[in-house]
Every structure is written in structure tokens, then in C-alpha cells.
Amino acid sequence: MIRRTLLALLAAAPLGIVPAQAADFLPYTPEALAAAQKAGKPILVEISAPWCPICKTQKPILAKLGSDPRFKDLQVFDVDFDSQKPALKALNARMQSTLIAFKGEKEVGRSIGETQPEWIEGLVEKAL
């Protein structure tokens, strides 16, 4: 019995490992976005839904980019597609899996449904 429990814990342990992230991953609020924009921060707004397979593909790509020293100042704001409809309207976003890059207050790029790591990285680089 103890052996089975130990084996189950060992098997599940890698699932809880999350790569270190230098970027800030924050819940979206209009005030938080405005403050980051006013401070001139590089920003990525990620519009996702828990049921979205493309969003699930994007998350580890963003996590990997977050651990890259080049993006240490990047702030990533998560917008929940299902529960934050006013944010979608404010950001002029109509679909989940939308990524919006800002350099301070200026939108510098947007992608919808992108899953190629190098293209997502290129979008994030525009915010620097």
C-alpha cells in the first residue's frame, strides 16, 4: 500500500513542476493594464479559456518565454474569455487564444490562434 502511494506520488511529481518565470503573469484588470502602460512596461495580454486547446498550447510557450532574461520586464495579463467580457470589448478582442502586445500604451502587435513558438516570440519581442 505504501509502495503504491509512493509510486503514485513520484509519477505525479513532474506534473507540478513549473519553469521559473522572470515575467510577471497577472490577472487582468483595466487599472493594472493602465498602470503598466503608463510605466512604459512591455506588456502581453493573453485572452484564453480553460476549454481552448490552442490556449493550452500557448501557455507553455509563454511560460518558456517568461523564463528568458530578455523578457524579464515583461508583464503578462491573463484575460478569461468566458468571465471578462467587458475586457474583451475594451481590447477589441473577439476570440480566445488572442495575444496582444503593447509597448507602453501603444499596441504593437496582435495574433489570434498562433501556436508557433518563434512567431509568438516575435510578437513578444515587439513589446520590448
C-alpha atoms as a PDB file:
ATOM      1  CA  MET A   1       0.000   0.000   0.000  1.00  0.00           C
ATOM      2  CA  ILE A   2       2.735   2.465   0.941  1.00  0.00           C
ATOM      3  CA  ARG A   3       4.708   1.452  -2.135  1.00  0.00           C
ATOM      4  CA  ARG A   4       1.734   2.212  -4.421  1.00  0.00           C
ATOM      5  CA  THR A   5       1.203   5.586  -2.793  1.00  0.00           C
ATOM      6  CA  LEU A   6       4.881   6.447  -3.124  1.00  0.00           C
ATOM      7  CA  LEU A   7       4.936   5.375  -6.774  1.00  0.00           C
ATOM      8  CA  ALA A   8       1.815   7.424  -7.496  1.00  0.00           C
ATOM      9  CA  LEU A   9       3.376  10.493  -5.878  1.00  0.00           C
ATOM     10  CA  LEU A  10       6.614  10.044  -7.798  1.00  0.00           C
ATOM     11  CA  ALA A  11       4.727   9.650 -11.061  1.00  0.00           C
ATOM     12  CA  ALA A  12       2.695  12.806 -10.440  1.00  0.00           C
ATOM     13  CA  ALA A  13       5.607  14.916  -9.179  1.00  0.00           C
ATOM     14  CA  PRO A  14       6.787  16.144 -12.608  1.00  0.00           C
ATOM     15  CA  LEU A  15       3.288  17.443 -13.337  1.00  0.00           C
ATOM     16  CA  GLY A  16       3.660  20.039 -10.609  1.00  0.00           C
ATOM     17  CA  ILE A  17       6.957  21.396 -11.860  1.00  0.00           C
ATOM     18  CA  VAL A  18       6.584  24.814 -13.433  1.00  0.00           C
ATOM     19  CA  PRO A  19       9.532  26.548 -15.067  1.00  0.00           C
ATOM     20  CA  ALA A  20      10.861  29.639 -13.345  1.00  0.00           C
ATOM     21  CA  GLN A  21       9.321  32.754 -14.776  1.00  0.00           C
ATOM     22  CA  ALA A  22      11.016  36.099 -14.928  1.00  0.00           C
ATOM     23  CA  ALA A  23       7.961  37.801 -16.393  1.00  0.00           C
ATOM     24  CA  ASP A  24       5.016  38.785 -14.235  1.00  0.00           C
ATOM     25  CA  PHE A  25       1.855  36.793 -15.005  1.00  0.00           C
ATOM     26  CA  LEU A  26      -1.009  38.842 -13.622  1.00  0.00           C
ATOM     27  CA  PRO A  27      -4.791  38.703 -13.661  1.00  0.00           C
ATOM     28  CA  TYR A  28      -6.153  41.402 -15.956  1.00  0.00           C
ATOM     29  CA  THR A  29      -7.822  44.494 -14.587  1.00  0.00           C
ATOM     30  CA  PRO A  30      -8.187  47.738 -16.549  1.00  0.00           C
ATOM     31  CA  GLU A  31      -6.360  49.556 -13.750  1.00  0.00           C
ATOM     32  CA  ALA A  32      -3.418  47.132 -13.738  1.00  0.00           C
ATOM     33  CA  LEU A  33      -3.040  47.356 -17.516  1.00  0.00           C
ATOM     34  CA  ALA A  34      -3.227  51.162 -17.428  1.00  0.00           C
ATOM     35  CA  ALA A  35      -0.578  51.331 -14.685  1.00  0.00           C
ATOM     36  CA  ALA A  36       1.793  49.056 -16.617  1.00  0.00           C
ATOM     37  CA  GLN A  37       1.201  51.079 -19.783  1.00  0.00           C
ATOM     38  CA  LYS A  38       1.823  54.368 -18.003  1.00  0.00           C
ATOM     39  CA  ALA A  39       5.062  52.932 -16.589  1.00  0.00           C
ATOM     40  CA  GLY A  40       6.172  52.107 -20.141  1.00  0.00           C
ATOM     41  CA  LYS A  41       6.398  48.380 -19.467  1.00  0.00           C
ATOM     42  CA  PRO A  42       6.471  45.749 -22.195  1.00  0.00           C
ATOM     43  CA  ILE A  43       3.077  44.051 -21.973  1.00  0.00           C
ATOM     44  CA  LEU A  44       1.404  40.981 -23.376  1.00  0.00           C
ATOM     45  CA  VAL A  45      -2.326  40.464 -22.905  1.00  0.00           C
ATOM     46  CA  GLU A  46      -3.324  36.822 -23.209  1.00  0.00           C
ATOM     47  CA  ILE A  47      -7.006  36.101 -23.803  1.00  0.00           C
ATOM     48  CA  SER A  48      -7.673  32.478 -23.004  1.00  0.00           C
ATOM     49  CA  ALA A  49     -10.280  29.972 -21.919  1.00  0.00           C
ATOM     50  CA  PRO A  50      -9.719  26.771 -19.923  1.00  0.00           C
ATOM     51  CA  TRP A  51     -11.527  24.719 -22.576  1.00  0.00           C
ATOM     52  CA  CYS A  52      -9.481  26.128 -25.501  1.00  0.00           C
ATOM     53  CA  PRO A  53      -6.903  23.672 -26.941  1.00  0.00           C
ATOM     54  CA  ILE A  54      -4.969  26.455 -28.687  1.00  0.00           C
ATOM     55  CA  CYS A  55      -4.738  28.386 -25.403  1.00  0.00           C
ATOM     56  CA  LYS A  56      -3.387  25.253 -23.724  1.00  0.00           C
ATOM     57  CA  THR A  57      -0.706  25.073 -26.415  1.00  0.00           C
ATOM     58  CA  GLN A  58       0.194  28.752 -25.976  1.00  0.00           C
ATOM     59  CA  LYS A  59       0.600  28.624 -22.172  1.00  0.00           C
ATOM     60  CA  PRO A  60       3.870  26.605 -22.032  1.00  0.00           C
ATOM     61  CA  ILE A  61       5.305  28.718 -24.850  1.00  0.00           C
ATOM     62  CA  LEU A  62       4.573  31.869 -22.853  1.00  0.00           C
ATOM     63  CA  ALA A  63       5.967  30.264 -19.691  1.00  0.00           C
ATOM     64  CA  LYS A  64       9.203  29.436 -21.519  1.00  0.00           C
ATOM     65  CA  LEU A  65       9.464  32.980 -22.850  1.00  0.00           C
ATOM     66  CA  GLY A  66       8.825  34.259 -19.331  1.00  0.00           C
ATOM     67  CA  SER A  67      11.965  32.493 -18.140  1.00  0.00           C
ATOM     68  CA  ASP A  68      14.088  34.150 -20.854  1.00  0.00           C
ATOM     69  CA  PRO A  69      16.180  37.018 -19.397  1.00  0.00           C
ATOM     70  CA  ARG A  70      15.325  39.188 -22.432  1.00  0.00           C
ATOM     71  CA  PHE A  71      11.741  39.312 -21.223  1.00  0.00           C
ATOM     72  CA  LYS A  72      12.459  39.916 -17.526  1.00  0.00           C
ATOM     73  CA  ASP A  73      10.418  43.142 -17.502  1.00  0.00           C
ATOM     74  CA  LEU A  74       7.503  41.719 -19.488  1.00  0.00           C
ATOM     75  CA  GLN A  75       4.141  41.797 -17.780  1.00  0.00           C
ATOM     76  CA  VAL A  76       1.617  39.248 -19.000  1.00  0.00           C
ATOM     77  CA  PHE A  77      -2.035  39.873 -18.222  1.00  0.00           C
ATOM     78  CA  ASP A  78      -4.474  36.959 -18.358  1.00  0.00           C
ATOM     79  CA  VAL A  79      -7.989  37.730 -19.564  1.00  0.00           C
ATOM     80  CA  ASP A  80     -10.556  34.975 -19.069  1.00  0.00           C
ATOM     81  CA  PHE A  81     -12.592  34.752 -22.267  1.00  0.00           C
ATOM     82  CA  ASP A  82     -15.663  33.393 -20.503  1.00  0.00           C
ATOM     83  CA  SER A  83     -15.900  35.704 -17.494  1.00  0.00           C
ATOM     84  CA  GLN A  84     -14.270  39.003 -18.531  1.00  0.00           C
ATOM     85  CA  LYS A  85     -16.486  40.160 -21.414  1.00  0.00           C
ATOM     86  CA  PRO A  86     -16.002  43.904 -20.655  1.00  0.00           C
ATOM     87  CA  ALA A  87     -12.234  43.393 -21.055  1.00  0.00           C
ATOM     88  CA  LEU A  88     -12.770  41.724 -24.427  1.00  0.00           C
ATOM     89  CA  LYS A  89     -14.779  44.729 -25.577  1.00  0.00           C
ATOM     90  CA  ALA A  90     -12.201  47.209 -24.259  1.00  0.00           C
ATOM     91  CA  LEU A  91      -9.393  45.327 -26.018  1.00  0.00           C
ATOM     92  CA  ASN A  92     -11.435  44.804 -29.203  1.00  0.00           C
ATOM     93  CA  ALA A  93     -10.876  41.050 -28.934  1.00  0.00           C
ATOM     94  CA  ARG A  94     -13.436  38.606 -30.233  1.00  0.00           C
ATOM     95  CA  MET A  95     -11.751  35.247 -29.749  1.00  0.00           C
ATOM     96  CA  GLN A  96      -9.914  33.239 -27.159  1.00  0.00           C
ATOM     97  CA  SER A  97      -6.257  32.441 -27.988  1.00  0.00           C
ATOM     98  CA  THR A  98      -5.688  36.130 -28.771  1.00  0.00           C
ATOM     99  CA  LEU A  99      -2.335  37.644 -27.814  1.00  0.00           C
ATOM    100  CA  ILE A 100      -1.921  41.430 -27.804  1.00  0.00           C
ATOM    101  CA  ALA A 101       1.492  43.078 -27.384  1.00  0.00           C
ATOM    102  CA  PHE A 102       1.883  46.614 -26.054  1.00  0.00           C
ATOM    103  CA  LYS A 103       4.970  48.785 -25.781  1.00  0.00           C
ATOM    104  CA  GLY A 104       3.789  51.114 -23.082  1.00  0.00           C
ATOM    105  CA  GLU A 105       0.444  52.497 -24.212  1.00  0.00           C
ATOM    106  CA  LYS A 106       0.883  51.606 -27.884  1.00  0.00           C
ATOM    107  CA  GLU A 107      -0.381  48.304 -29.289  1.00  0.00           C
ATOM    108  CA  VAL A 108       2.488  46.924 -31.383  1.00  0.00           C
ATOM    109  CA  GLY A 109       1.101  43.555 -32.429  1.00  0.00           C
ATOM    110  CA  ARG A 110      -1.729  41.073 -32.185  1.00  0.00           C
ATOM    111  CA  SER A 111      -2.192  37.426 -33.071  1.00  0.00           C
ATOM    112  CA  ILE A 112      -5.124  35.042 -32.942  1.00  0.00           C
ATOM    113  CA  GLY A 113      -4.688  31.292 -32.653  1.00  0.00           C
ATOM    114  CA  GLU A 114      -0.916  31.334 -33.058  1.00  0.00           C
ATOM    115  CA  THR A 115       0.931  28.270 -31.768  1.00  0.00           C
ATOM    116  CA  GLN A 116       4.341  28.556 -33.458  1.00  0.00           C
ATOM    117  CA  PRO A 117       6.842  29.387 -30.686  1.00  0.00           C
ATOM    118  CA  GLU A 118       9.039  31.530 -32.943  1.00  0.00           C
ATOM    119  CA  TRP A 119       6.064  33.628 -34.096  1.00  0.00           C
ATOM    120  CA  ILE A 120       4.847  34.147 -30.538  1.00  0.00           C
ATOM    121  CA  GLU A 121       8.389  35.108 -29.544  1.00  0.00           C
ATOM    122  CA  GLY A 122       8.482  37.599 -32.427  1.00  0.00           C
ATOM    123  CA  LEU A 123       5.243  39.144 -31.200  1.00  0.00           C
ATOM    124  CA  VAL A 124       6.588  39.454 -27.645  1.00  0.00           C
ATOM    125  CA  GLU A 125       9.843  40.989 -28.931  1.00  0.00           C
ATOM    126  CA  LYS A 126       7.814  43.826 -30.468  1.00  0.00           C
ATOM    127  CA  ALA A 127       6.826  44.894 -26.947  1.00  0.00           C
ATOM    128  CA  LEU A 128      10.444  45.407 -25.863  1.00  0.00           C
END
